[in-house]
Amino acid sequence: AVLSKKISSRSYPDILRELLWSVKSHRYVSDEKLQSKLKTESVYGGGKKSFLSRLVLNRIEDHLTGREPGTANYKVVRILPENLEGDWFNELTPDEREQARDSVDLIGNLALIHLPSFNERHNYAHKRNLLNQSGIELNAEFHTIEQWNLQVIKRRCQTLAEWVMAVWPQLGTGGGASVTAEYDPTGKKPLAFTLIGQRYPLKEQTWKELLVRVVEECTDLTELTVQQLLEEARIKFSRTDTSFRSCSEIKRTGIYVDTSSSYNAQHILKHIERLLGILNLDFETDFSYEAVGR
């Protein structure tokens, strides 16, 4: 459902706010602090956490394979299951069973997969076989991991933390200038926008391009179709390019959104705020844009 009221930033998991850089406070997280939190804080488990975990791991996959950001679109799965049953119960020591609840949602216990046959309840040997067959670069290390336990999860947290810093170097101290959220767009043109820590430059540097690009990125973060997303955000669209005085196509969908001149920068930013609300994201902390005078 559409959220009519923005969620307070205080309700966001601290680890994900810091991991993906708080634009609102213009802070950067030190490498040491980031890596420390990634070893101890849950980054998965439903809602916004699931969206962000999927985004982070797929961005790492793109980095490892040298592809454009946004190419990978795999499902996130746990290795150590949430409920310890059968082989998993027997494979862990009594002490590990006590600690397992705090480890299942660590980033080191997560992997990417595209196979529908992956079941969280399967034992590690079965999961390892599927991960090795997946062809996903992020899963390559499972070829050498013969047993899955809490120590392995902690080591993998460290590895993934290092990859996060490679993908988003601006998260560390001295990582460059912060992106300023400019909330009076009158007479300005947009240069780029940042969504959940990922910066996207705009080629045409127009407000209609900003709207279209944000719609495309939001579509990758939800199970909703483009049409459902636009309907919930109350953005006018059509299946033909003759319905509006000016329109732009959402990439490879055959859906055109209204970008008539009456849709000025303020209107477009309101559309974006509603889009983010649908995904349980916050306009002030999860989104910003850079703009300059014309």
Protein backbone atom coordinates (compact mmCIF):
# COMPACT_ATOMS: atom_id res chain seq x y z
CA ALA A 1 0.00 0.00 0.00
CA VAL A 2 1.03 3.58 -0.53
CA LEU A 3 2.51 5.13 2.59
CA SER A 4 0.88 8.51 3.17
CA LYS A 5 3.41 9.51 5.79
CA LYS A 6 7.18 9.23 5.52
CA ILE A 7 8.74 6.81 7.97
CA SER A 8 11.04 8.36 10.51
CA SER A 9 14.71 7.67 9.83
CA ARG A 10 14.96 6.49 13.43
CA SER A 11 13.01 3.36 12.47
CA TYR A 12 15.64 2.30 9.92
CA PRO A 13 18.18 -0.38 10.86
CA ASP A 14 21.34 1.49 11.81
CA ILE A 15 23.63 -0.85 9.92
CA LEU A 16 21.86 -0.27 6.60
CA ARG A 17 21.65 3.49 7.07
CA GLU A 18 25.39 3.61 7.71
CA LEU A 19 26.24 1.01 5.10
CA LEU A 20 24.52 2.94 2.35
CA TRP A 21 25.57 6.37 3.64
CA SER A 22 23.25 8.86 5.31
CA VAL A 23 22.79 11.75 2.89
CA LYS A 24 20.68 13.64 5.41
CA SER A 25 23.49 13.97 7.95
CA HIS A 26 26.28 14.15 5.32
CA ARG A 27 28.34 11.63 7.25
CA TYR A 28 30.83 9.03 6.08
CA VAL A 29 31.51 5.77 7.85
CA SER A 30 35.08 4.74 8.52
CA ASP A 31 36.28 1.50 6.95
CA GLU A 32 36.93 0.08 10.40
CA LYS A 33 33.47 0.90 11.75
CA LEU A 34 31.72 -0.38 8.63
CA GLN A 35 33.57 -3.69 8.66
CA SER A 36 32.96 -4.07 12.39
CA LYS A 37 29.21 -3.59 11.99
CA LEU A 38 29.01 -5.95 9.02
CA LYS A 39 30.38 -8.71 11.24
CA THR A 40 27.75 -8.22 13.96
CA GLU A 41 24.61 -6.56 12.56
CA SER A 42 21.72 -8.26 10.74
CA VAL A 43 21.25 -6.98 7.19
CA TYR A 44 18.44 -9.29 6.08
CA GLY A 45 15.03 -10.35 7.25
CA GLY A 46 12.18 -8.76 5.35
CA GLY A 47 10.95 -5.32 4.35
CA LYS A 48 13.54 -2.68 3.63
CA LYS A 49 16.35 -4.95 4.83
CA SER A 50 15.57 -7.44 2.06
CA PHE A 51 15.50 -4.71 -0.60
CA LEU A 52 18.84 -3.30 0.49
CA SER A 53 20.55 -6.67 0.92
CA ARG A 54 19.50 -7.64 -2.58
CA LEU A 55 20.74 -4.33 -3.97
CA VAL A 56 24.09 -4.57 -2.17
CA LEU A 57 24.86 -8.16 -3.16
CA ASN A 58 23.80 -7.70 -6.77
CA ARG A 59 25.91 -4.54 -7.04
CA ILE A 60 28.89 -6.52 -5.72
CA GLU A 61 28.21 -9.18 -8.38
CA ASP A 62 28.25 -6.51 -11.08
CA HIS A 63 31.53 -5.20 -9.67
CA LEU A 64 33.14 -8.65 -9.67
CA THR A 65 32.06 -9.36 -13.26
CA GLY A 66 32.85 -5.88 -14.60
CA ARG A 67 29.27 -5.29 -15.75
CA GLU A 68 27.19 -2.13 -15.58
CA PRO A 69 25.52 -1.49 -12.19
CA GLY A 70 22.01 -2.90 -12.23
CA THR A 71 22.79 -5.83 -14.56
CA ALA A 72 22.65 -8.58 -11.93
CA ASN A 73 19.18 -9.28 -10.58
CA TYR A 74 19.44 -12.43 -8.49
CA LYS A 75 17.51 -13.62 -5.46
CA VAL A 76 19.09 -13.44 -1.98
CA VAL A 77 19.13 -16.67 0.05
CA ARG A 78 20.45 -17.81 3.42
CA ILE A 79 22.99 -20.61 3.75
CA LEU A 80 22.50 -21.32 7.46
CA PRO A 81 18.69 -21.56 7.69
CA GLU A 82 16.52 -19.56 10.05
CA ASN A 83 15.13 -22.76 11.59
CA LEU A 84 17.68 -25.41 12.53
CA GLU A 85 16.32 -28.83 11.59
CA GLY A 86 17.68 -32.21 10.51
CA ASP A 87 21.26 -32.12 9.24
CA TRP A 88 21.73 -28.49 10.21
CA PHE A 89 20.91 -29.22 13.85
CA ASN A 90 23.31 -32.17 13.89
CA GLU A 91 26.15 -30.36 12.10
CA LEU A 92 26.38 -27.53 14.65
CA THR A 93 27.79 -27.78 18.14
CA PRO A 94 25.50 -26.92 21.11
CA ASP A 95 27.26 -23.55 21.47
CA GLU A 96 26.85 -22.80 17.77
CA ARG A 97 23.14 -23.60 17.96
CA GLU A 98 22.77 -20.96 20.67
CA GLN A 99 24.57 -18.37 18.52
CA ALA A 100 22.96 -19.35 15.22
CA ARG A 101 19.94 -17.09 15.65
CA ASP A 102 22.24 -14.05 15.69
CA SER A 103 24.12 -15.24 12.60
CA VAL A 104 21.47 -16.22 10.04
CA ASP A 105 20.92 -12.64 8.82
CA LEU A 106 24.55 -11.53 8.76
CA ILE A 107 25.79 -10.56 5.31
CA GLY A 108 28.29 -13.43 5.44
CA ASN A 109 25.46 -15.96 5.54
CA LEU A 110 23.81 -14.64 2.38
CA ALA A 111 24.29 -15.70 -1.24
CA LEU A 112 22.75 -15.02 -4.63
CA ILE A 113 20.86 -17.61 -6.64
CA HIS A 114 18.56 -17.85 -9.65
CA LEU A 115 17.59 -21.52 -9.35
CA PRO A 116 13.98 -22.14 -8.22
CA SER A 117 15.01 -25.47 -6.66
CA PHE A 118 16.99 -23.77 -3.87
CA ASN A 119 15.36 -24.56 -0.52
CA GLU A 120 16.57 -23.04 2.75
CA ARG A 121 15.97 -26.33 4.59
CA HIS A 122 18.39 -28.32 2.42
CA ASN A 123 21.70 -29.28 4.00
CA TYR A 124 24.92 -27.49 3.16
CA ALA A 125 26.19 -30.14 0.74
CA HIS A 126 23.05 -29.76 -1.40
CA LYS A 127 23.12 -25.96 -1.24
CA ARG A 128 26.84 -25.87 -2.05
CA ASN A 129 26.25 -27.95 -5.16
CA LEU A 130 23.54 -25.55 -6.39
CA LEU A 131 25.68 -22.49 -5.63
CA ASN A 132 28.64 -23.98 -7.48
CA GLN A 133 26.42 -24.62 -10.51
CA SER A 134 24.91 -21.13 -10.47
CA GLY A 135 27.65 -19.42 -12.49
CA ILE A 136 27.42 -16.42 -10.15
CA GLU A 137 30.82 -14.92 -9.38
CA LEU A 138 29.85 -13.99 -5.82
CA ASN A 139 29.38 -17.73 -5.15
CA ALA A 140 32.77 -18.81 -6.52
CA GLU A 141 34.31 -19.20 -3.07
CA PHE A 142 31.87 -22.01 -2.19
CA HIS A 143 34.06 -24.33 -4.28
CA THR A 144 36.63 -24.18 -1.45
CA ILE A 145 34.27 -24.07 1.56
CA GLU A 146 33.60 -27.68 2.51
CA GLN A 147 31.80 -27.02 5.80
CA TRP A 148 29.50 -24.16 6.80
CA ASN A 149 29.68 -22.88 10.37
CA LEU A 150 29.74 -19.65 12.36
CA GLN A 151 33.47 -19.09 11.88
CA VAL A 152 33.08 -19.32 8.10
CA ILE A 153 30.21 -16.82 8.26
CA LYS A 154 32.39 -14.34 10.18
CA ARG A 155 35.25 -14.69 7.67
CA ARG A 156 32.88 -14.14 4.78
CA CYS A 157 31.46 -11.03 6.50
CA GLN A 158 34.98 -9.60 6.32
CA THR A 159 35.32 -10.48 2.63
CA LEU A 160 31.99 -8.92 1.72
CA ALA A 161 32.78 -5.80 3.76
CA GLU A 162 35.92 -5.34 1.67
CA TRP A 163 33.91 -5.74 -1.53
CA VAL A 164 31.36 -3.19 -0.29
CA MET A 165 34.19 -0.69 0.17
CA ALA A 166 35.43 -1.45 -3.35
CA VAL A 167 31.98 -0.82 -4.86
CA TRP A 168 31.20 2.24 -2.73
CA PRO A 169 34.55 3.85 -1.88
CA GLN A 170 32.71 7.01 -0.83
CA LEU A 171 31.48 5.15 2.26
CA GLY A 172 34.94 5.34 3.81
CA THR A 173 36.60 8.38 5.32
CA GLY A 174 38.13 10.64 2.72
CA GLY A 175 35.79 9.16 0.12
CA GLY A 176 35.06 12.43 -1.65
CA ALA A 177 32.53 15.19 -1.33
CA SER A 178 29.05 14.44 -0.12
CA VAL A 179 26.07 14.84 -2.38
CA THR A 180 23.91 17.71 -1.26
CA ALA A 181 20.15 17.39 -1.35
CA GLU A 182 18.92 20.52 -3.11
CA TYR A 183 15.26 21.08 -2.20
CA ASP A 184 14.57 24.23 -4.25
CA PRO A 185 14.92 23.10 -7.87
CA THR A 186 13.47 26.24 -9.47
CA GLY A 187 15.62 27.39 -12.38
CA LYS A 188 18.09 24.53 -12.01
CA LYS A 189 18.95 21.44 -14.03
CA PRO A 190 19.66 18.04 -12.43
CA LEU A 191 23.09 16.50 -12.95
CA ALA A 192 22.72 13.21 -11.08
CA PHE A 193 20.76 11.48 -8.35
CA THR A 194 21.68 9.08 -5.57
CA LEU A 195 19.32 6.27 -4.55
CA ILE A 196 20.19 4.10 -1.55
CA GLY A 197 23.85 5.00 -1.82
CA GLN A 198 24.23 4.42 -5.57
CA ARG A 199 24.90 7.50 -7.71
CA TYR A 200 23.42 7.76 -11.22
CA PRO A 201 24.57 10.56 -13.59
CA LEU A 202 21.99 12.01 -15.95
CA LYS A 203 22.95 12.26 -19.61
CA GLU A 204 20.28 14.73 -20.74
CA GLN A 205 20.26 16.57 -17.40
CA THR A 206 16.50 17.15 -17.47
CA TRP A 207 13.83 16.67 -14.83
CA LYS A 208 11.86 14.26 -17.01
CA GLU A 209 14.98 12.09 -17.35
CA LEU A 210 15.32 12.14 -13.56
CA LEU A 211 11.76 10.87 -13.16
CA VAL A 212 12.16 8.09 -15.74
CA ARG A 213 15.47 6.90 -14.30
CA VAL A 214 14.12 6.80 -10.74
CA VAL A 215 11.08 4.81 -11.93
CA GLU A 216 13.40 2.31 -13.65
CA GLU A 217 15.58 1.88 -10.57
CA CYS A 218 12.56 1.57 -8.25
CA THR A 219 11.14 -1.15 -10.51
CA ASP A 220 14.28 -3.24 -9.84
CA LEU A 221 13.60 -3.03 -6.09
CA THR A 222 10.05 -4.36 -6.04
CA GLU A 223 7.93 -7.27 -7.24
CA LEU A 224 5.38 -4.77 -8.57
CA THR A 225 5.14 -4.32 -12.32
CA VAL A 226 5.96 -0.93 -13.83
CA GLN A 227 2.25 -0.34 -14.41
CA GLN A 228 1.36 -1.16 -10.79
CA LEU A 229 4.15 1.06 -9.50
CA LEU A 230 3.03 4.02 -11.63
CA GLU A 231 -0.61 3.54 -10.65
CA GLU A 232 0.19 3.53 -6.93
CA ALA A 233 2.41 6.61 -7.33
CA ARG A 234 -0.38 8.36 -9.30
CA ILE A 235 1.91 9.04 -12.27
CA LYS A 236 0.11 9.40 -15.61
CA PHE A 237 1.16 6.85 -18.20
CA SER A 238 0.04 5.33 -21.48
CA ARG A 239 0.81 2.43 -23.81
CA THR A 240 1.16 4.84 -26.74
CA ASP A 241 3.47 7.79 -27.30
CA THR A 242 0.69 10.03 -28.63
CA SER A 243 -1.39 10.35 -25.46
CA PHE A 244 0.52 13.32 -24.01
CA ARG A 245 2.12 16.47 -25.37
CA SER A 246 5.42 15.16 -24.07
CA CYS A 247 6.27 11.68 -22.80
CA SER A 248 9.20 9.38 -22.13
CA GLU A 249 9.35 5.59 -22.33
CA ILE A 250 10.31 3.49 -19.35
CA LYS A 251 13.19 1.44 -20.72
CA ARG A 252 12.10 -1.57 -22.80
CA THR A 253 8.55 -1.65 -21.40
CA GLY A 254 6.41 0.08 -24.03
CA ILE A 255 5.02 2.26 -21.23
CA TYR A 256 5.23 6.04 -21.58
CA VAL A 257 5.00 8.48 -18.67
CA ASP A 258 3.66 11.99 -18.99
CA THR A 259 6.49 14.54 -18.97
CA SER A 260 4.55 17.53 -20.27
CA SER A 261 5.84 20.99 -19.47
CA SER A 262 3.24 21.33 -16.70
CA TYR A 263 5.17 18.63 -14.86
CA ASN A 264 7.81 20.93 -13.45
CA ALA A 265 10.64 19.99 -11.10
CA GLN A 266 8.47 20.30 -7.98
CA HIS A 267 5.82 17.98 -9.42
CA ILE A 268 8.44 15.44 -10.43
CA LEU A 269 10.02 15.45 -6.97
CA LYS A 270 6.59 14.82 -5.46
CA HIS A 271 6.19 11.84 -7.80
CA ILE A 272 9.57 10.52 -6.68
CA GLU A 273 8.63 10.93 -3.03
CA ARG A 274 5.50 8.82 -3.57
CA LEU A 275 7.50 6.19 -5.48
CA LEU A 276 9.94 5.83 -2.60
CA GLY A 277 7.09 5.63 -0.10
CA ILE A 278 5.66 2.62 -1.93
CA LEU A 279 8.99 0.83 -1.41
CA ASN A 280 9.20 1.87 2.24
CA LEU A 281 12.10 4.18 1.40
CA ASP A 282 12.48 7.73 2.68
CA PHE A 283 12.78 10.75 0.39
CA GLU A 284 15.17 12.58 2.73
CA THR A 285 17.52 9.76 3.72
CA ASP A 286 17.43 7.36 0.77
CA PHE A 287 17.37 9.84 -2.11
CA SER A 288 19.17 13.02 -3.14
CA TYR A 289 19.96 14.86 -6.34
CA GLU A 290 22.58 17.28 -7.57
CA ALA A 291 21.46 20.35 -9.49
CA VAL A 292 23.06 23.54 -10.82
CA GLY A 293 21.72 26.82 -12.16
CA ARG A 294 21.00 26.93 -15.88
